[in-house]
Amino acid sequence: MNSEQIRSKIGLYIHWPFCLSKCPYCDFNSHVVDSVDHSRWEKALVNELTFLSRNQNQKKLTSIFFGGGTPSLMRPETVFEVIETAKKLWGVQQPIEITLEANPSSIEYQTFSSFKQAGINRISLGIQAFDNKALSFLGRSHDRLDAVNALEAAHKSFDKVSFDLIYARPQQTIKSWLLELGQALDLAGEHMSVYQLTIEKGTAFYSQYKNGDFEMPSSETAANFYEVTNEKMGSAGLQNYEISNYAQLGSECQHNMIYWRSEDYLGVGPGAHSRLTDNAGERRATRSLTAPFSWLKEVETNGHALVEQTILSTSEQLTETIMMGLRLKEGVSLKKLNKLTGKTLEQLFDAEALRLLTNEGYVKVDNFYLRATDSGRQRLNGVVRCLLDSVNIPN
C-alpha cells in the first residue's frame, strides 16, 4: 500500500467519557456522574463529528471505534446516529470495522443485540482478570462468572470479539498466571489484548503504591511474565502483532493499526485527539476540551470544542512514527521514513547507534523495515530514546 492510499484513508474515534465507577489503575478521561442527558450528548457528538470532518470528506472511512470511559453505557440509538452520520460524511471502505468497548456486567451485555443492530460488528470487553480476588483488587464491578457470561453473549452477537487482561499484578505468580491465561484462551476468539499492570500518576493506585499498600513485581519478574505470555499465546495461534495485542493472522484490530502506523484518524468527544493530513501534505494534531460538560457546552455553542491545533514538524512526525511503529511486530517501513525525511536509514540515524542496537539484538533491519525484536520491545522506551537521540535532521 503506497503513501497516497494511506493518506486517502481515515479512522474515526468516538469518546464516551462516563463510567459507572472509576478503576484505581485507570488514567483515561473517564468520569462517574449521577445522570446523563443522552439526547444532548447524541446531538453534540453528531455536531462535532460533522464540523471536524470538513476538508477530510474525500477520504475513505475504514474504521470506527467507540472508546471511553464505558461506551456500552451509551444508548444504542446514539451509536446508530453517529455511525449513520459518519457513513454520510465519508465514502466507506468495505468491510468497515466498527468496535465498541464494553464491560462484562449483565446490565451491559444484555444490550449487545441492540448494539449489533445499531451497526457494531466488533466488541472489546474489559474483563481484566478471571480471578475474583484480582478483580476486586483492580476495582472491577464484575466477577469471573459475569466475564464468562459476557463472553458467551458477545460471541452470540458478534463475529469479532476481543477482551483485555492485565498481568504482573501484585503477588501474582507465573504459575497462577499461566493457569488463568489458559482459562482465558478457552474462551477467546481471534483477538486478545494482554497488558502489564503499570502505575500511572493521578490514579488511586499511584497513591496506594507510594504509601506502600502493595508491592509491584520486579522488572525481571515482569519480563518473565511477558515472555511466558508470548509463548502461551503463540502456541494457541495468537501472534504478538503489537506489544500488548495478540491475534490470528488477519484479525488484528484495524482501528488501532491506524494509530501504530501513524495514519489519519479523527477524534470526536471530550479530550479526543486527531492526526489529519491536508491536501497540501501538512499533518495536524488536534485535541478537544477534556472536561465532559465544558466540552458539551462548547460544542452546543460553537459546533466543536477544539483547544489545540498544531502543524507537526518533520521531527515531531518522525518521533511519533518511531514510537508507535516499533510497537508493531512488522516495524516501521523504510519507504515511509524516506518519504517523511528524504533520507535513507543510514543517513537518518547515527551508524553507531544502529550498530549498538543491532548487535545487542534489540532491532533488526532488512530491505524494507526497521523492527524491534521481542527483546527490544521489552525495552522499547530505551530503544526509541537511543534512536531518536541519534537522529540527523533539523527539529
Protein backbone atom coordinates (compact mmCIF):
# COMPACT_ATOMS: atom_id res chain seq x y z
CA MET A 1 0.00 0.00 0.00
CA ASN A 2 1.54 3.31 -1.05
CA SER A 3 1.52 6.52 0.97
CA GLU A 4 -1.16 8.08 -1.24
CA GLN A 5 -3.50 5.20 -0.43
CA ILE A 6 -2.71 5.51 3.27
CA ARG A 7 -3.43 9.24 3.32
CA SER A 8 -6.73 8.66 1.49
CA LYS A 9 -7.95 6.52 4.40
CA ILE A 10 -9.29 7.72 7.74
CA GLY A 11 -10.40 6.16 11.01
CA LEU A 12 -12.93 7.65 13.41
CA TYR A 13 -12.69 7.56 17.22
CA ILE A 14 -15.68 8.49 19.40
CA HIS A 15 -15.02 9.13 23.10
CA TRP A 16 -17.74 8.47 25.68
CA PRO A 17 -16.33 9.78 28.98
CA PHE A 18 -18.69 8.22 31.52
CA CYS A 19 -18.32 5.11 33.69
CA LEU A 20 -20.31 3.53 36.50
CA SER A 21 -17.16 3.59 38.65
CA LYS A 22 -13.51 4.65 38.30
CA CYS A 23 -10.97 1.83 38.29
CA PRO A 24 -7.92 2.52 40.51
CA TYR A 25 -5.42 1.86 37.68
CA CYS A 26 -7.19 3.99 35.06
CA ASP A 27 -5.72 7.30 33.88
CA PHE A 28 -8.10 7.71 30.93
CA ASN A 29 -10.50 10.61 30.59
CA SER A 30 -13.36 8.87 32.41
CA HIS A 31 -15.85 10.23 34.93
CA VAL A 32 -18.60 8.99 37.24
CA VAL A 33 -21.77 11.11 37.13
CA ASP A 34 -25.26 10.78 38.55
CA SER A 35 -27.07 11.11 35.23
CA VAL A 36 -26.51 11.80 31.54
CA ASP A 37 -28.81 13.64 29.15
CA HIS A 38 -28.38 11.19 26.28
CA SER A 39 -30.26 13.31 23.76
CA ARG A 40 -27.93 16.29 24.33
CA TRP A 41 -24.86 14.08 24.07
CA GLU A 42 -26.07 12.39 20.91
CA LYS A 43 -26.65 15.74 19.22
CA ALA A 44 -23.29 17.11 20.40
CA LEU A 45 -21.32 14.09 19.18
CA VAL A 46 -23.01 14.25 15.79
CA ASN A 47 -22.44 18.01 15.53
CA GLU A 48 -18.75 17.88 16.43
CA LEU A 49 -18.26 14.96 14.07
CA THR A 50 -19.88 16.91 11.25
CA PHE A 51 -17.84 20.05 11.98
CA LEU A 52 -14.45 18.32 12.33
CA SER A 53 -14.92 16.20 9.20
CA ARG A 54 -14.72 19.30 6.99
CA ASN A 55 -11.88 19.13 4.46
CA GLN A 56 -11.49 15.41 5.19
CA ASN A 57 -14.53 14.18 3.27
CA GLN A 58 -12.54 12.98 0.27
CA LYS A 59 -11.09 10.13 2.32
CA LYS A 60 -12.44 6.61 2.74
CA LEU A 61 -13.65 5.66 6.22
CA THR A 62 -12.07 2.33 7.23
CA SER A 63 -12.94 2.01 10.93
CA ILE A 64 -14.99 3.48 13.76
CA PHE A 65 -14.05 2.91 17.39
CA PHE A 66 -16.27 3.81 20.35
CA GLY A 67 -13.97 4.10 23.38
CA GLY A 68 -14.05 5.64 26.82
CA GLY A 69 -14.99 5.63 29.57
CA THR A 70 -17.59 2.94 29.03
CA PRO A 71 -19.27 3.47 25.64
CA SER A 72 -21.58 0.47 26.14
CA LEU A 73 -23.42 2.80 28.55
CA MET A 74 -24.44 4.87 25.53
CA ARG A 75 -27.89 4.38 24.07
CA PRO A 76 -27.77 2.12 21.00
CA GLU A 77 -29.76 4.86 19.25
CA THR A 78 -26.85 7.27 19.79
CA VAL A 79 -24.37 4.77 18.40
CA PHE A 80 -26.61 4.28 15.37
CA GLU A 81 -26.87 8.04 14.71
CA VAL A 82 -23.09 8.50 14.93
CA ILE A 83 -22.44 5.59 12.57
CA GLU A 84 -25.03 6.75 10.04
CA THR A 85 -23.70 10.32 10.14
CA ALA A 86 -20.15 9.09 9.54
CA LYS A 87 -21.25 6.99 6.59
CA LYS A 88 -22.99 10.01 5.05
CA LEU A 89 -19.92 12.21 5.55
CA TRP A 90 -17.44 9.78 4.02
CA GLY A 91 -17.33 7.06 1.49
CA VAL A 92 -16.91 3.77 3.32
CA GLN A 93 -14.15 1.29 2.55
CA GLN A 94 -15.69 -2.15 2.99
CA PRO A 95 -15.51 -4.20 5.07
CA ILE A 96 -15.51 -1.45 7.70
CA GLU A 97 -14.61 -2.39 11.28
CA ILE A 98 -16.87 -0.79 13.92
CA THR A 99 -15.79 -1.52 17.51
CA LEU A 100 -17.48 -0.86 20.84
CA GLU A 101 -15.73 -1.18 24.20
CA ALA A 102 -17.87 -2.76 26.91
CA ASN A 103 -17.69 -4.08 30.46
CA PRO A 104 -18.81 -7.62 31.33
CA SER A 105 -21.72 -6.66 33.56
CA SER A 106 -25.18 -8.07 32.96
CA ILE A 107 -26.55 -4.53 32.56
CA GLU A 108 -24.33 -4.06 29.54
CA TYR A 109 -24.19 -7.44 27.83
CA GLN A 110 -27.99 -7.62 27.69
CA THR A 111 -27.82 -4.76 25.16
CA PHE A 112 -25.35 -6.48 22.80
CA SER A 113 -28.02 -7.42 20.26
CA SER A 114 -29.22 -3.80 20.17
CA PHE A 115 -25.68 -2.56 19.53
CA LYS A 116 -25.32 -5.08 16.71
CA GLN A 117 -28.49 -3.73 15.14
CA ALA A 118 -27.06 -0.21 15.54
CA GLY A 119 -24.08 -1.19 13.38
CA ILE A 120 -21.42 -2.51 15.78
CA ASN A 121 -19.59 -5.53 14.34
CA ARG A 122 -16.71 -5.89 16.81
CA ILE A 123 -16.85 -5.88 20.62
CA SER A 124 -13.94 -5.36 23.03
CA LEU A 125 -14.62 -6.47 26.62
CA GLY A 126 -12.75 -5.08 29.63
CA ILE A 127 -12.51 -8.35 31.53
CA GLN A 128 -9.00 -7.73 33.01
CA ALA A 129 -8.88 -10.98 35.07
CA PHE A 130 -10.60 -14.33 35.61
CA ASP A 131 -9.66 -14.39 39.28
CA ASN A 132 -12.23 -12.91 41.69
CA LYS A 133 -9.62 -11.71 44.19
CA ALA A 134 -7.71 -9.94 41.41
CA LEU A 135 -10.91 -8.40 40.06
CA SER A 136 -11.67 -6.97 43.49
CA PHE A 137 -8.14 -5.54 43.75
CA LEU A 138 -8.49 -3.99 40.28
CA GLY A 139 -11.73 -2.30 41.32
CA ARG A 140 -13.87 -4.15 38.81
CA SER A 141 -17.60 -4.46 39.46
CA HIS A 142 -17.92 -7.89 37.80
CA ASP A 143 -16.77 -11.35 38.85
CA ARG A 144 -15.47 -14.35 36.92
CA LEU A 145 -18.96 -15.68 36.17
CA ASP A 146 -20.00 -12.30 34.76
CA ALA A 147 -16.96 -12.39 32.49
CA VAL A 148 -17.78 -15.87 31.19
CA ASN A 149 -21.43 -14.96 30.62
CA ALA A 150 -20.48 -11.72 28.85
CA LEU A 151 -18.12 -13.57 26.52
CA GLU A 152 -20.79 -16.12 25.68
CA ALA A 153 -23.26 -13.30 24.93
CA ALA A 154 -20.65 -11.46 22.85
CA HIS A 155 -19.84 -14.50 20.71
CA LYS A 156 -23.56 -14.97 20.01
CA SER A 157 -23.98 -11.37 18.84
CA PHE A 158 -20.68 -10.54 17.12
CA ASP A 159 -18.33 -12.29 14.70
CA LYS A 160 -15.37 -10.36 16.11
CA VAL A 161 -14.80 -10.48 19.86
CA SER A 162 -11.78 -9.31 21.82
CA PHE A 163 -11.11 -8.84 25.52
CA ASP A 164 -8.48 -7.31 27.79
CA LEU A 165 -6.45 -8.95 30.54
CA ILE A 166 -3.95 -7.43 32.99
CA TYR A 167 -0.91 -9.35 34.27
CA ALA A 168 2.11 -8.74 36.53
CA ARG A 169 -0.23 -7.88 39.37
CA PRO A 170 0.98 -7.69 42.99
CA GLN A 171 1.64 -11.15 44.44
CA GLN A 172 0.74 -12.84 41.16
CA THR A 173 2.88 -15.85 40.25
CA ILE A 174 3.86 -17.13 36.83
CA LYS A 175 2.16 -20.45 37.61
CA SER A 176 -1.17 -18.84 38.54
CA TRP A 177 -1.00 -16.52 35.53
CA LEU A 178 -0.48 -19.41 33.11
CA LEU A 179 -3.50 -21.19 34.57
CA GLU A 180 -5.58 -18.03 34.27
CA LEU A 181 -4.33 -17.38 30.74
CA GLY A 182 -5.24 -20.94 29.78
CA GLN A 183 -8.79 -20.36 31.03
CA ALA A 184 -8.93 -17.15 29.03
CA LEU A 185 -7.76 -18.85 25.85
CA ASP A 186 -10.51 -21.44 26.20
CA LEU A 187 -12.98 -18.55 25.91
CA ALA A 188 -11.08 -16.43 23.40
CA GLY A 189 -11.90 -15.64 19.81
CA GLU A 190 -9.37 -14.37 17.30
CA HIS A 191 -8.03 -11.41 19.31
CA MET A 192 -6.91 -10.59 22.86
CA SER A 193 -5.21 -7.58 24.47
CA VAL A 194 -2.92 -8.50 27.36
CA TYR A 195 -1.39 -5.62 29.32
CA GLN A 196 1.20 -5.41 32.06
CA LEU A 197 -0.14 -3.53 35.08
CA THR A 198 1.52 -0.12 35.27
CA ILE A 199 1.15 2.51 37.97
CA GLU A 200 0.19 5.85 36.43
CA LYS A 201 0.32 9.25 38.12
CA GLY A 202 -3.03 10.64 39.13
CA THR A 203 -4.62 7.24 39.73
CA ALA A 204 -5.73 5.73 43.03
CA PHE A 205 -3.13 3.00 42.61
CA TYR A 206 -0.37 5.62 42.39
CA SER A 207 -1.18 6.96 45.84
CA GLN A 208 -1.61 3.46 47.30
CA TYR A 209 1.69 2.29 45.82
CA LYS A 210 3.54 5.36 47.13
CA ASN A 211 2.04 4.68 50.57
CA GLY A 212 3.38 1.12 50.49
CA ASP A 213 -0.04 -0.52 50.38
CA PHE A 214 1.24 -3.08 47.87
CA GLU A 215 4.42 -4.06 46.02
CA MET A 216 4.80 -4.44 42.29
CA PRO A 217 6.72 -7.30 40.65
CA SER A 218 10.37 -6.60 39.85
CA SER A 219 11.32 -5.66 36.29
CA GLU A 220 12.89 -9.12 35.89
CA THR A 221 9.68 -10.82 37.00
CA ALA A 222 7.62 -8.59 34.71
CA ALA A 223 9.89 -9.59 31.80
CA ASN A 224 9.29 -13.24 32.65
CA PHE A 225 5.54 -12.63 32.57
CA TYR A 226 5.88 -11.06 29.12
CA GLU A 227 7.92 -13.97 27.77
CA VAL A 228 5.65 -16.74 29.05
CA THR A 229 2.62 -14.81 27.81
CA ASN A 230 4.08 -14.60 24.30
CA GLU A 231 4.88 -18.31 24.35
CA LYS A 232 1.44 -19.34 25.64
CA MET A 233 -0.44 -17.09 23.24
CA GLY A 234 1.68 -18.14 20.28
CA SER A 235 1.08 -21.82 20.99
CA ALA A 236 -2.66 -21.05 20.87
CA GLY A 237 -2.32 -19.42 17.44
CA LEU A 238 -2.50 -15.81 18.60
CA GLN A 239 0.58 -13.92 17.46
CA ASN A 240 2.04 -10.89 19.28
CA TYR A 241 1.47 -8.42 16.43
CA GLU A 242 1.84 -5.45 18.84
CA ILE A 243 3.45 -5.28 22.28
CA SER A 244 0.19 -5.93 24.15
CA ASN A 245 -2.05 -7.31 21.40
CA TYR A 246 -2.43 -10.83 20.03
CA ALA A 247 -4.41 -12.06 17.06
CA GLN A 248 -4.80 -14.74 14.49
CA LEU A 249 -3.45 -13.62 11.12
CA GLY A 250 -5.94 -11.20 9.56
CA SER A 251 -7.79 -10.50 12.82
CA GLU A 252 -5.68 -7.56 14.01
CA CYS A 253 -7.61 -4.53 15.30
CA GLN A 254 -7.75 -2.40 12.16
CA HIS A 255 -8.54 0.81 14.02
CA ASN A 256 -5.59 0.55 16.38
CA MET A 257 -3.33 -0.27 13.44
CA ILE A 258 -4.12 3.23 12.18
CA TYR A 259 -2.52 4.68 15.33
CA TRP A 260 0.50 2.40 15.24
CA ARG A 261 1.12 3.04 11.55
CA SER A 262 0.71 6.82 12.01
CA GLU A 263 -2.16 7.03 9.57
CA ASP A 264 -5.01 9.57 9.66
CA TYR A 265 -7.75 9.49 12.26
CA LEU A 266 -10.39 11.90 13.55
CA GLY A 267 -11.22 12.03 17.26
CA VAL A 268 -14.62 13.24 18.48
CA GLY A 269 -15.70 13.80 22.07
CA PRO A 270 -14.12 15.12 25.29
CA GLY A 271 -10.32 15.02 25.17
CA ALA A 272 -10.26 13.24 21.80
CA HIS A 273 -7.14 13.65 19.64
CA SER A 274 -6.81 13.67 15.85
CA ARG A 275 -3.98 13.29 13.36
CA LEU A 276 -5.02 14.60 9.96
CA THR A 277 -3.16 15.25 6.71
CA ASP A 278 -4.47 18.02 4.45
CA ASN A 279 -4.31 18.32 0.68
CA ALA A 280 -1.04 20.25 0.93
CA GLY A 281 0.55 17.36 2.82
CA GLU A 282 0.70 19.13 6.18
CA ARG A 283 -0.07 16.89 9.16
CA ARG A 284 -2.02 18.41 12.03
CA ALA A 285 -2.54 17.32 15.62
CA THR A 286 -5.75 18.44 17.29
CA ARG A 287 -7.39 17.93 20.69
CA SER A 288 -10.80 18.80 22.09
CA LEU A 289 -11.61 20.06 25.58
CA THR A 290 -11.16 17.33 28.17
CA ALA A 291 -13.79 18.17 30.82
CA PRO A 292 -17.03 16.50 29.67
CA PHE A 293 -19.54 19.21 30.47
CA SER A 294 -17.26 22.03 29.33
CA TRP A 295 -16.90 20.11 26.06
CA LEU A 296 -20.68 19.72 25.81
CA LYS A 297 -21.33 23.42 26.34
CA GLU A 298 -18.65 24.45 23.84
CA VAL A 299 -19.99 22.14 21.14
CA GLU A 300 -23.53 23.38 21.69
CA THR A 301 -22.26 26.95 21.31
CA ASN A 302 -19.70 26.64 18.51
CA GLY A 303 -20.19 23.23 16.90
CA HIS A 304 -16.83 21.94 18.17
CA ALA A 305 -14.62 22.07 21.25
CA LEU A 306 -11.12 22.17 19.78
CA VAL A 307 -8.49 23.63 22.10
CA GLU A 308 -5.33 22.58 20.25
CA GLN A 309 -4.42 22.65 16.57
CA THR A 310 -0.77 22.17 15.70
CA ILE A 311 1.08 21.57 12.45
CA LEU A 312 3.54 18.78 13.20
CA SER A 313 7.14 19.28 12.12
CA THR A 314 9.09 16.55 10.35
CA SER A 315 10.92 15.86 13.61
CA GLU A 316 7.66 15.52 15.56
CA GLN A 317 6.19 13.22 12.91
CA LEU A 318 9.33 11.09 12.97
CA THR A 319 9.16 10.79 16.76
CA GLU A 320 5.56 9.59 16.60
CA THR A 321 6.29 7.23 13.72
CA ILE A 322 9.19 5.58 15.57
CA MET A 323 7.47 5.45 18.97
CA MET A 324 4.28 3.94 17.58
CA GLY A 325 5.64 1.88 14.71
CA LEU A 326 8.21 -0.05 16.72
CA ARG A 327 5.40 -1.32 18.95
CA LEU A 328 4.34 -3.41 15.95
CA LYS A 329 5.98 -6.70 15.08
CA GLU A 330 6.06 -5.53 11.45
CA GLY A 331 8.06 -2.45 12.47
CA VAL A 332 8.41 0.81 10.54
CA SER A 333 8.57 0.93 6.76
CA LEU A 334 11.86 2.30 5.44
CA LYS A 335 9.95 3.70 2.48
CA LYS A 336 7.77 5.65 4.88
CA LEU A 337 10.80 7.02 6.74
CA ASN A 338 12.37 8.05 3.45
CA LYS A 339 9.20 9.80 2.25
CA LEU A 340 8.91 11.64 5.57
CA THR A 341 12.53 12.75 5.92
CA GLY A 342 14.07 12.43 2.46
CA LYS A 343 16.84 10.27 3.96
CA THR A 344 17.85 6.63 3.92
CA LEU A 345 18.03 4.78 7.23
CA GLU A 346 21.82 5.15 7.27
CA GLN A 347 21.54 8.89 6.70
CA LEU A 348 18.77 9.32 9.23
CA PHE A 349 20.29 7.61 12.28
CA ASP A 350 23.81 7.57 13.64
CA ALA A 351 25.60 4.43 12.43
CA GLU A 352 26.99 3.66 15.89
CA ALA A 353 23.52 3.77 17.49
CA LEU A 354 22.11 1.41 14.86
CA ARG A 355 25.09 -0.93 15.22
CA LEU A 356 24.74 -0.98 19.01
CA LEU A 357 21.01 -1.76 18.91
CA THR A 358 21.52 -4.42 16.25
CA ASN A 359 24.45 -6.09 17.99
CA GLU A 360 22.55 -6.19 21.29
CA GLY A 361 19.67 -7.92 19.49
CA TYR A 362 17.17 -5.13 20.08
CA VAL A 363 16.43 -4.18 16.46
CA LYS A 364 16.59 -5.82 13.05
CA VAL A 365 16.84 -4.12 9.67
CA ASP A 366 16.10 -5.59 6.26
CA ASN A 367 15.49 -4.03 2.86
CA PHE A 368 12.00 -2.90 3.81
CA TYR A 369 11.56 -2.48 7.58
CA LEU A 370 13.18 -1.36 10.81
CA ARG A 371 11.87 -3.67 13.53
CA ALA A 372 12.26 -4.05 17.26
CA THR A 373 12.84 -7.66 18.28
CA ASP A 374 10.87 -9.28 21.10
CA SER A 375 13.77 -8.38 23.39
CA GLY A 376 13.79 -4.83 22.04
CA ARG A 377 10.07 -4.41 22.54
CA GLN A 378 10.51 -5.29 26.21
CA ARG A 379 12.89 -2.32 26.38
CA LEU A 380 11.12 -0.14 23.85
CA ASN A 381 11.48 3.17 25.69
CA GLY A 382 15.26 2.75 25.74
CA VAL A 383 15.40 1.62 22.12
CA VAL A 384 13.31 4.58 20.95
CA ARG A 385 15.37 7.02 23.02
CA CYS A 386 18.61 5.68 21.56
CA LEU A 387 17.32 6.04 18.00
CA LEU A 388 15.79 9.49 18.43
CA ASP A 389 18.87 10.82 20.22
CA SER A 390 20.87 9.90 17.12
CA VAL A 391 18.53 11.45 14.51
CA ASN A 392 20.28 13.55 11.88
CA ILE A 393 17.57 16.02 10.84
CA PRO A 394 16.75 19.57 12.00
CA ASN A 395 13.99 19.97 14.59
